Protein backbone atom coordinates (compact mmCIF):
# COMPACT_ATOMS: atom_id res chain seq x y z
CA MET A 1 -0.37 0.08 0.19
CA PRO A 2 1.74 3.25 -0.73
CA LEU A 3 2.68 5.63 2.02
CA ILE A 4 0.40 8.84 2.57
CA ARG A 5 2.87 11.41 0.79
CA THR A 6 2.05 14.47 3.57
CA VAL A 7 3.14 18.08 3.44
CA ILE A 8 3.20 20.22 6.66
CA VAL A 9 2.47 24.26 6.39
CA ASP A 10 3.25 26.26 9.55
CA ASP A 11 5.73 29.66 10.16
CA SER A 12 6.83 28.10 13.73
CA ALA A 13 9.83 25.80 13.29
CA PHE A 14 9.20 24.13 16.56
CA VAL A 15 5.47 23.33 15.01
CA ARG A 16 6.80 21.52 11.67
CA LYS A 17 9.47 19.51 13.35
CA ALA A 18 6.83 18.36 16.14
CA VAL A 19 4.13 17.27 13.38
CA ARG A 20 7.09 15.70 11.62
CA ASP A 21 8.32 13.72 14.26
CA MET A 22 4.39 12.79 15.46
CA LEU A 23 3.55 11.69 11.78
CA SER A 24 7.12 9.92 11.24
CA ARG A 25 5.84 7.30 13.99
CA SER A 26 3.23 6.07 11.15
CA PRO A 27 4.69 3.32 9.08
CA LYS A 28 1.64 4.70 6.70
CA ILE A 29 2.63 8.11 6.26
CA ASP A 30 5.34 9.92 4.52
CA VAL A 31 6.61 13.52 5.18
CA VAL A 32 7.67 14.74 1.90
CA GLY A 33 7.89 18.54 2.02
CA ALA A 34 7.72 21.38 4.76
CA ALA A 35 6.79 24.99 3.81
CA ARG A 36 7.07 28.37 6.05
CA ASN A 37 3.80 30.34 4.42
CA GLY A 38 0.84 29.24 2.43
CA GLU A 39 2.76 30.86 -1.10
CA GLU A 40 5.53 28.16 0.02
CA ALA A 41 2.82 25.53 0.15
CA LEU A 42 1.21 26.53 -2.89
CA GLN A 43 4.51 25.63 -4.63
CA MET A 44 5.23 22.60 -3.06
CA VAL A 45 2.03 21.13 -3.60
CA GLU A 46 2.58 21.67 -7.05
CA GLN A 47 5.82 20.25 -7.06
CA LEU A 48 5.51 16.95 -4.88
CA GLN A 49 1.68 16.25 -5.65
CA PRO A 50 1.02 14.94 -1.77
CA ASP A 51 -2.04 13.50 -0.55
CA VAL A 52 -2.97 15.14 2.63
CA VAL A 53 -1.43 18.42 3.59
CA THR A 54 -1.49 20.06 7.55
CA CYS A 55 -1.55 23.79 7.32
CA ASP A 56 -1.52 26.39 10.39
CA LEU A 57 -4.19 29.06 10.67
CA PHE A 58 -1.65 32.05 10.92
CA MET A 59 1.20 33.02 8.71
CA PRO A 60 2.62 35.78 7.29
CA ASP A 61 2.64 36.60 3.47
CA LEU A 62 -0.10 34.08 2.49
CA ASP A 63 -2.44 32.51 5.93
CA GLY A 64 -3.85 29.22 5.98
CA VAL A 65 -7.50 30.28 4.83
CA GLY A 66 -5.78 32.52 2.02
CA PHE A 67 -3.33 28.92 0.96
CA VAL A 68 -7.21 26.67 1.64
CA ARG A 69 -8.85 29.13 -0.95
CA LYS A 70 -5.81 29.22 -3.71
CA GLN A 71 -4.85 25.76 -3.68
CA MET A 72 -8.82 24.50 -3.91
CA MET A 73 -9.10 26.99 -7.11
CA ARG A 74 -6.04 25.03 -8.42
CA LYS A 75 -6.10 21.42 -7.46
CA PRO A 76 -8.25 20.26 -4.40
CA VAL A 77 -6.04 18.31 -2.08
CA PRO A 78 -7.05 17.06 1.50
CA ILE A 79 -6.13 20.35 3.82
CA LEU A 80 -6.30 19.71 7.42
CA ILE A 81 -6.19 22.78 9.71
CA LEU A 82 -3.39 22.84 13.03
CA THR A 83 -5.34 25.44 15.14
CA ALA A 84 -3.67 26.62 18.38
CA SER A 85 -6.75 27.53 19.92
CA PRO A 86 -10.57 27.98 20.74
CA LYS A 87 -10.21 31.70 20.05
CA ASP A 88 -9.24 30.82 16.64
CA ALA A 89 -12.91 29.59 15.92
CA VAL A 90 -13.98 31.99 13.63
CA ARG A 91 -11.06 31.43 11.20
CA VAL A 92 -10.82 27.57 11.48
CA ILE A 93 -14.72 27.51 10.26
CA GLU A 94 -13.94 30.17 7.43
CA ALA A 95 -11.01 27.61 6.39
CA LEU A 96 -13.55 24.46 6.15
CA GLU A 97 -16.14 26.45 4.62
CA SER A 98 -13.55 27.03 1.76
CA GLY A 99 -12.60 23.90 1.23
CA ALA A 100 -10.33 22.39 4.30
CA VAL A 101 -11.28 18.79 5.38
CA ASP A 102 -10.99 19.00 9.02
CA PHE A 103 -8.78 20.15 11.71
CA ILE A 104 -7.24 19.45 15.03
CA GLN A 105 -5.23 21.10 17.49
CA LYS A 106 -1.40 21.70 17.20
CA PRO A 107 1.53 20.51 19.11
CA THR A 108 2.19 22.55 22.23
CA ALA A 109 4.69 22.23 24.87
CA LEU A 110 2.52 19.98 26.79
CA ALA A 111 2.67 17.08 28.97
CA ASN A 112 3.97 13.96 27.42
CA ASP A 113 0.74 12.42 28.24
CA ASP A 114 -1.09 15.09 26.00
CA LEU A 115 1.35 14.93 23.31
CA LEU A 116 0.92 11.11 23.25
CA ALA A 117 -2.98 11.25 22.85
CA MET A 118 -2.35 14.41 20.25
CA ARG A 119 -0.22 12.50 18.15
CA GLU A 120 -2.50 9.36 18.30
CA ALA A 121 -5.36 11.87 16.84
CA LEU A 122 -3.30 13.49 14.55
CA ILE A 123 -2.02 10.10 12.94
CA GLU A 124 -5.76 9.05 12.83
CA LYS A 125 -6.93 12.42 10.79
CA VAL A 126 -4.02 12.24 8.35
CA GLN A 127 -5.12 8.87 7.52
CA GLY A 128 -8.68 9.03 7.57
CA VAL A 129 -8.38 12.30 5.42
CA ALA A 130 -5.84 10.63 2.72
CA ALA A 131 -8.88 8.25 1.71
CA VAL A 132 -11.03 10.85 0.84
CA ALA A 133 -12.03 10.37 -2.79
CA SER A 134 -11.84 13.88 -3.78
CA PRO A 135 -11.78 17.54 -1.03
CA PRO A 136 -15.56 18.53 -0.32
CA ILE A 137 -17.01 20.20 -3.12
CA VAL A 138 -17.27 24.27 -1.25
CA LEU A 139 -21.67 24.29 -1.98
CA PRO A 140 -22.77 27.89 -2.01
CA VAL A 141 -25.36 28.33 0.25
CA PRO A 142 -28.70 27.64 -0.95
CA ALA A 143 -30.61 31.10 -2.30
CA VAL A 144 -34.08 29.63 -2.32
CA SER A 145 -35.32 26.60 -0.12
CA PHE A 146 -34.90 23.31 -2.42
CA ALA A 147 -37.50 21.23 0.25
CA GLN A 148 -41.03 20.77 -0.08
CA PRO A 149 -43.20 23.40 1.39
CA SER A 150 -43.69 23.24 5.49
CA ARG A 151 -46.84 21.12 6.76
CA PRO A 152 -47.67 20.11 9.57
CA ALA A 153 -45.57 16.70 10.28
CA VAL A 154 -47.67 13.19 9.76
CA HIS A 155 -45.02 10.58 10.56
CA VAL A 156 -42.70 12.39 12.47
CA ASP A 157 -41.88 14.38 16.12
CA ILE A 158 -38.50 15.17 15.45
CA VAL A 159 -35.35 14.92 13.34
CA VAL A 160 -31.89 13.61 14.59
CA LEU A 161 -28.77 14.02 13.00
CA GLY A 162 -24.76 13.01 13.38
CA ILE A 163 -22.21 14.21 11.37
CA SER A 164 -18.49 14.29 11.77
CA THR A 165 -15.61 14.83 9.00
CA GLY A 166 -16.99 17.35 6.52
CA GLY A 167 -19.72 18.45 8.02
CA PRO A 168 -19.52 21.95 8.73
CA GLN A 169 -19.52 22.21 4.78
CA ALA A 170 -22.62 19.54 4.56
CA LEU A 171 -24.68 21.60 7.57
CA ARG A 172 -23.99 24.86 5.72
CA TYR A 173 -25.72 23.33 2.47
CA LEU A 174 -28.80 21.34 4.05
CA ILE A 175 -29.88 23.68 6.95
CA PRO A 176 -30.77 27.10 5.11
CA GLN A 177 -32.67 24.68 3.27
CA PHE A 178 -35.85 24.21 5.74
CA ALA A 179 -37.96 26.87 6.29
CA ALA A 180 -38.31 28.87 9.55
CA ASP A 181 -41.57 27.32 10.24
CA PHE A 182 -39.57 23.86 10.13
CA PRO A 183 -42.57 21.42 12.10
CA VAL A 184 -40.37 19.53 14.29
CA PRO A 185 -37.53 20.02 15.96
CA PHE A 186 -33.55 19.62 14.85
CA VAL A 187 -30.93 18.18 17.29
CA ILE A 188 -27.33 17.85 16.01
CA VAL A 189 -24.76 15.95 17.01
CA LEU A 190 -21.30 17.40 15.16
CA HIS A 191 -18.31 15.68 16.31
CA MET A 192 -16.28 19.35 16.93
CA PRO A 193 -13.74 19.89 19.92
CA LEU A 194 -14.30 22.52 23.08
CA GLY A 195 -14.58 25.82 21.94
CA TYR A 196 -16.07 25.14 18.60
CA THR A 197 -19.46 24.64 18.29
CA ALA A 198 -21.05 27.73 19.39
CA PRO A 199 -19.25 29.72 17.08
CA PHE A 200 -20.08 27.21 14.24
CA ALA A 201 -23.72 27.52 15.33
CA GLU A 202 -23.61 31.29 15.19
CA LYS A 203 -22.52 31.33 11.92
CA LEU A 204 -24.53 28.82 10.62
CA ALA A 205 -27.42 30.95 12.12
CA GLU A 206 -26.40 33.94 9.93
CA ILE A 207 -27.39 31.76 6.67
CA SER A 208 -30.74 29.89 7.72
CA ARG A 209 -34.19 30.80 8.43
CA LEU A 210 -34.61 28.00 11.23
CA SER A 211 -33.35 28.97 14.20
CA VAL A 212 -29.88 27.83 14.81
CA LYS A 213 -28.04 28.02 18.29
CA GLU A 214 -25.80 25.83 20.41
CA ALA A 215 -28.41 23.58 22.90
CA HIS A 216 -28.06 24.48 27.07
CA GLU A 217 -29.23 22.58 29.61
CA GLY A 218 -32.87 22.54 29.84
CA CYS A 219 -34.05 24.38 26.74
CA LEU A 220 -36.78 23.12 24.82
CA VAL A 221 -37.08 21.17 21.80
CA GLN A 222 -39.36 22.66 19.87
CA PRO A 223 -40.43 23.36 16.07
CA GLY A 224 -38.51 25.54 13.59
CA GLU A 225 -35.42 25.47 15.71
CA ALA A 226 -32.15 23.40 14.91
CA LEU A 227 -29.99 22.81 18.18
CA LEU A 228 -26.62 21.72 18.08
CA ALA A 229 -25.40 19.49 20.59
CA PRO A 230 -21.88 21.70 22.79
CA ALA A 231 -18.63 19.92 22.24
CA GLY A 232 -17.99 17.70 24.93
CA ARG A 233 -21.15 17.02 26.49
CA HIS A 234 -23.65 14.26 25.27
CA LEU A 235 -27.15 15.51 24.31
CA SER A 236 -30.49 13.76 25.73
CA PHE A 237 -34.14 14.53 26.19
CA LYS A 238 -36.05 14.68 29.17
CA LYS A 239 -39.32 16.12 30.55
CA ASN A 240 -39.67 18.92 32.69
CA SER A 241 -42.53 19.79 35.31
CA GLN A 242 -44.64 20.79 32.49
CA GLY A 243 -44.34 17.61 30.71
CA GLN A 244 -42.43 19.35 27.88
CA VAL A 245 -38.84 18.22 26.01
CA VAL A 246 -36.15 19.87 27.31
CA VAL A 247 -32.35 19.10 26.43
CA HIS A 248 -30.40 17.22 29.23
CA LEU A 249 -26.12 17.68 29.07
CA SER A 250 -24.21 15.21 30.59
CA VAL A 251 -20.55 13.66 30.59
CA GLN A 252 -21.87 10.41 30.88
CA PRO A 253 -21.36 8.06 29.68
CA MET A 254 -17.88 7.83 29.65
CA ASP A 255 -17.06 5.24 27.58
CA LYS A 256 -18.60 6.68 23.99
CA PRO A 257 -14.98 7.73 21.90
CA HIS A 258 -16.96 10.71 21.04
CA ARG A 259 -18.88 13.47 23.38
CA PRO A 260 -21.22 14.45 22.23
CA SER A 261 -22.21 11.04 20.67
CA VAL A 262 -24.22 10.20 17.95
CA ASP A 263 -25.66 6.80 19.15
CA VAL A 264 -26.68 8.77 22.94
CA LEU A 265 -28.68 11.12 21.17
CA PHE A 266 -30.03 8.59 18.48
CA GLN A 267 -31.05 6.55 21.39
CA SER A 268 -32.55 8.90 24.17
CA ALA A 269 -34.69 10.17 20.62
CA ALA A 270 -36.18 6.76 20.19
CA GLU A 271 -36.66 6.60 23.95
CA THR A 272 -38.78 9.62 24.23
CA PHE A 273 -40.25 9.92 21.06
CA HIS A 274 -40.56 6.19 19.68
CA GLN A 275 -41.56 5.76 16.39
CA ARG A 276 -41.83 9.36 15.11
CA VAL A 277 -38.04 9.74 14.75
CA LEU A 278 -36.20 10.24 12.05
CA GLY A 279 -32.60 9.51 12.10
CA VAL A 280 -29.97 10.82 9.63
CA VAL A 281 -26.63 9.56 9.42
CA MET A 282 -24.14 12.07 6.84
CA THR A 283 -20.40 12.27 6.10
CA GLY A 284 -17.65 11.10 9.11
CA MET A 285 -15.48 9.04 10.34
CA GLY A 286 -16.28 5.57 12.28
CA ASP A 287 -19.63 3.96 13.22
CA ASP A 288 -21.31 6.31 15.98
CA GLY A 289 -24.60 6.59 15.40
CA LYS A 290 -24.43 2.67 13.92
CA GLN A 291 -25.72 1.90 17.62
CA GLY A 292 -28.35 4.66 18.02
CA ALA A 293 -29.90 3.82 14.31
CA ALA A 294 -30.62 0.32 15.85
CA TRP A 295 -32.62 2.22 18.78
CA ILE A 296 -34.11 4.16 16.24
CA LYS A 297 -35.37 0.98 13.93
CA ALA A 298 -36.49 -0.98 17.05
CA GLN A 299 -38.75 1.75 17.64
CA GLY A 300 -40.25 1.78 14.30
CA GLY A 301 -38.55 4.89 13.60
CA THR A 302 -36.99 5.65 10.05
CA VAL A 303 -33.25 6.61 9.24
CA LEU A 304 -31.47 7.77 6.52
CA THR A 305 -28.04 7.80 5.32
CA GLN A 306 -25.99 10.10 3.22
CA ASP A 307 -25.16 8.02 0.19
CA GLU A 308 -21.17 7.33 -0.68
CA GLN A 309 -20.71 9.64 -3.58
CA SER A 310 -21.61 12.83 -2.06
CA CYS A 311 -20.38 12.12 1.50
CA VAL A 312 -16.27 13.18 2.23
CA ILE A 313 -15.69 10.30 4.47
CA TYR A 314 -18.07 7.17 3.64
CA GLY A 315 -17.54 6.17 7.49
CA MET A 316 -20.60 6.71 9.76
CA PRO A 317 -23.31 6.24 6.90
CA ARG A 318 -21.52 2.80 5.63
CA SER A 319 -21.57 1.54 9.09
CA VAL A 320 -25.31 1.71 9.49
CA ALA A 321 -25.87 0.73 5.92
CA GLU A 322 -23.86 -2.36 6.00
CA ALA A 323 -25.78 -3.15 9.44
CA GLY A 324 -29.23 -2.67 7.43
CA LEU A 325 -30.38 -0.21 9.81
CA SER A 326 -30.60 2.40 7.02
CA ASP A 327 -34.00 2.79 4.83
CA ALA A 328 -32.71 4.99 2.03
CA ALA A 329 -29.15 6.34 0.52
CA VAL A 330 -29.90 10.00 -0.01
CA PRO A 331 -27.55 12.21 -1.98
CA LEU A 332 -27.02 15.81 -0.23
CA ALA A 333 -28.39 17.49 -2.87
CA SER A 334 -31.62 16.10 -2.57
CA MET A 335 -31.25 15.57 1.44
CA ALA A 336 -33.51 18.23 2.37
CA ALA A 337 -36.21 17.58 0.29
CA GLU A 338 -36.28 13.77 1.51
CA ILE A 339 -36.12 15.00 5.11
CA SER A 340 -38.90 16.93 4.04
CA LYS A 341 -40.72 14.24 2.58
CA ARG A 342 -40.41 11.59 5.25
CA LEU A 343 -42.21 14.13 7.96
């Protein structure tokens, strides 16, 4: 199997060396070059034709967002953004909107245990994005709704959606297609590090007619609103003293690889809304959502998966489809209409 040819882009010599050392621990990765800024990186990518690029955000001459934009216009390549802090969230989101595949925290002078975990995560991300058949297409935000006109929901009381790598781009395309009077609540788990879900929800709200916000403990689950689970907390449902369904946030269960977990969201939706749940599993690495989809199906609900051709990484949807839990595989371009049709 060919090695994953990787180029590192960072103006810090320390970070370039740290990332090279980390990636060199994998027998599957070959670091073929290192650039100090976006302009150097454009030339290096053209010369070396890497499979993956890791890229800093803030650099002289041409920064990370500028590099992503220019490289995507030249020749799309999977780009993994390295970020120093959640304070950079707005710029990270701009890089994702411009075509970067994913992002991860960059190495700093941390304790050995933190560096070990970071190394493993970095290697996993590089190997994952290298499997991308083609980098995410930067889809324009739809100017009009492609979904069916809103009507009272007949079959569904809630839509729950799980998504990971490639998720920010897909959600920017999907969510703006729904009308402000969408007839049921929409609750989303997007795998993101701490500090990034609130800024992403704000950016998504700017282009959507639905009310979009990061969920908080006790907030009502109501039609016309899309809630994004906050990073670091599982999102489930409970009823308040008035009998209304509200959000409950918790670090439990601790044995899930992701927090928030799509499985936890889906299971709670199935236990709360029974057969009147529409689950949607979209682009992402791993199999989060498979167990949750089984809960939805066991209660008589419906599960849609994004089709392989339109996924950045066909991991989560594949796990659901191969388990026989998907009612339909749907292209991203048709997902809004399909969701509306199933209500």
